[in-house]
Amino acid sequence: MQKPISVEIMTKTDCCLCDTAKETVSRVLQDYLARLSLTDIESDPALLEQYGKKIPVVLINGEESFVYKVHETTLR
């Protein structure tokens, strides 16, 4: 059995770039065996310090893959 791809978006409230990233990732992941999780960096002081204004960040299987913008073709 194939293991699902793990996709995590580091995000925060009132972030239009985050909203766009979520839309793009959600659209692409419909075509793949994948698990999407959203992490609010404001809920953890360490994450807020690490990512600050460098969001959204998309991690694929734990690796930082996109920052600020998600390119649909590259994500596929």
Protein backbone atom coordinates (compact mmCIF):
# COMPACT_ATOMS: atom_id res chain seq x y z
CA MET A 1 0.00 0.00 0.00
CA GLN A 2 1.30 3.42 -0.96
CA LYS A 3 1.93 5.88 1.86
CA PRO A 4 0.10 9.24 1.47
CA ILE A 5 2.12 12.35 0.79
CA SER A 6 2.17 14.64 3.82
CA VAL A 7 1.57 18.29 2.99
CA GLU A 8 1.62 20.92 5.73
CA ILE A 9 0.93 24.61 5.28
CA MET A 10 2.35 26.98 7.87
CA THR A 11 -0.19 29.77 8.04
CA LYS A 12 -1.81 32.44 10.21
CA THR A 13 -5.07 34.35 10.29
CA ASP A 14 -5.71 37.26 7.94
CA CYS A 15 -3.08 36.16 5.42
CA CYS A 16 -4.24 36.47 1.80
CA LEU A 17 -1.16 34.65 0.47
CA CYS A 18 -2.00 31.79 2.84
CA ASP A 19 -5.55 31.64 1.52
CA THR A 20 -4.27 31.46 -2.06
CA ALA A 21 -1.78 28.72 -1.12
CA LYS A 22 -4.52 26.68 0.59
CA GLU A 23 -6.73 26.93 -2.51
CA THR A 24 -3.94 25.87 -4.86
CA VAL A 25 -2.76 22.99 -2.68
CA SER A 26 -6.31 21.74 -2.08
CA ARG A 27 -7.03 21.77 -5.81
CA VAL A 28 -3.87 19.82 -6.69
CA LEU A 29 -4.13 17.31 -3.85
CA GLN A 30 -7.48 16.07 -5.13
CA ASP A 31 -5.48 14.19 -7.77
CA TYR A 32 -3.07 12.51 -5.33
CA LEU A 33 -3.00 10.28 -2.29
CA ALA A 34 -2.11 13.02 0.18
CA ARG A 35 -2.84 14.29 3.66
CA LEU A 36 -3.10 18.05 4.19
CA SER A 37 -2.62 19.75 7.54
CA LEU A 38 -2.70 23.43 8.41
CA THR A 39 -0.54 24.79 11.21
CA ASP A 40 -1.29 28.21 12.68
CA ILE A 41 2.12 29.67 13.55
CA GLU A 42 0.47 32.13 15.95
CA SER A 43 -0.49 29.21 18.22
CA ASP A 44 3.16 28.43 19.04
CA PRO A 45 5.75 31.11 19.97
CA ALA A 46 8.59 28.97 18.54
CA LEU A 47 6.83 28.65 15.17
CA LEU A 48 6.01 32.35 15.16
CA GLU A 49 9.67 33.15 15.74
CA GLN A 50 10.83 30.64 13.11
CA TYR A 51 8.43 31.67 10.35
CA GLY A 52 7.36 35.21 11.33
CA LYS A 53 6.45 36.97 8.11
CA LYS A 54 7.88 34.17 5.94
CA ILE A 55 4.50 32.60 5.26
CA PRO A 56 2.87 30.72 3.83
CA VAL A 57 5.39 27.92 3.90
CA VAL A 58 4.43 24.58 2.37
CA LEU A 59 6.21 21.50 3.67
CA ILE A 60 6.01 18.30 1.64
CA ASN A 61 6.96 15.22 3.64
CA GLY A 62 8.65 17.57 6.12
CA GLU A 63 10.73 19.46 3.55
CA GLU A 64 10.22 23.17 2.94
CA SER A 65 9.04 23.24 -0.66
CA PHE A 66 7.33 26.60 -1.22
CA VAL A 67 7.56 29.98 0.50
CA TYR A 68 5.10 32.84 -0.13
CA LYS A 69 3.69 31.36 -3.36
CA VAL A 70 2.72 27.86 -4.43
CA HIS A 71 3.26 27.15 -8.12
CA GLU A 72 0.61 24.68 -9.21
CA THR A 73 2.63 23.12 -12.03
CA THR A 74 5.67 22.61 -9.81
CA LEU A 75 3.53 21.18 -7.00
CA ARG A 76 2.05 18.61 -9.39
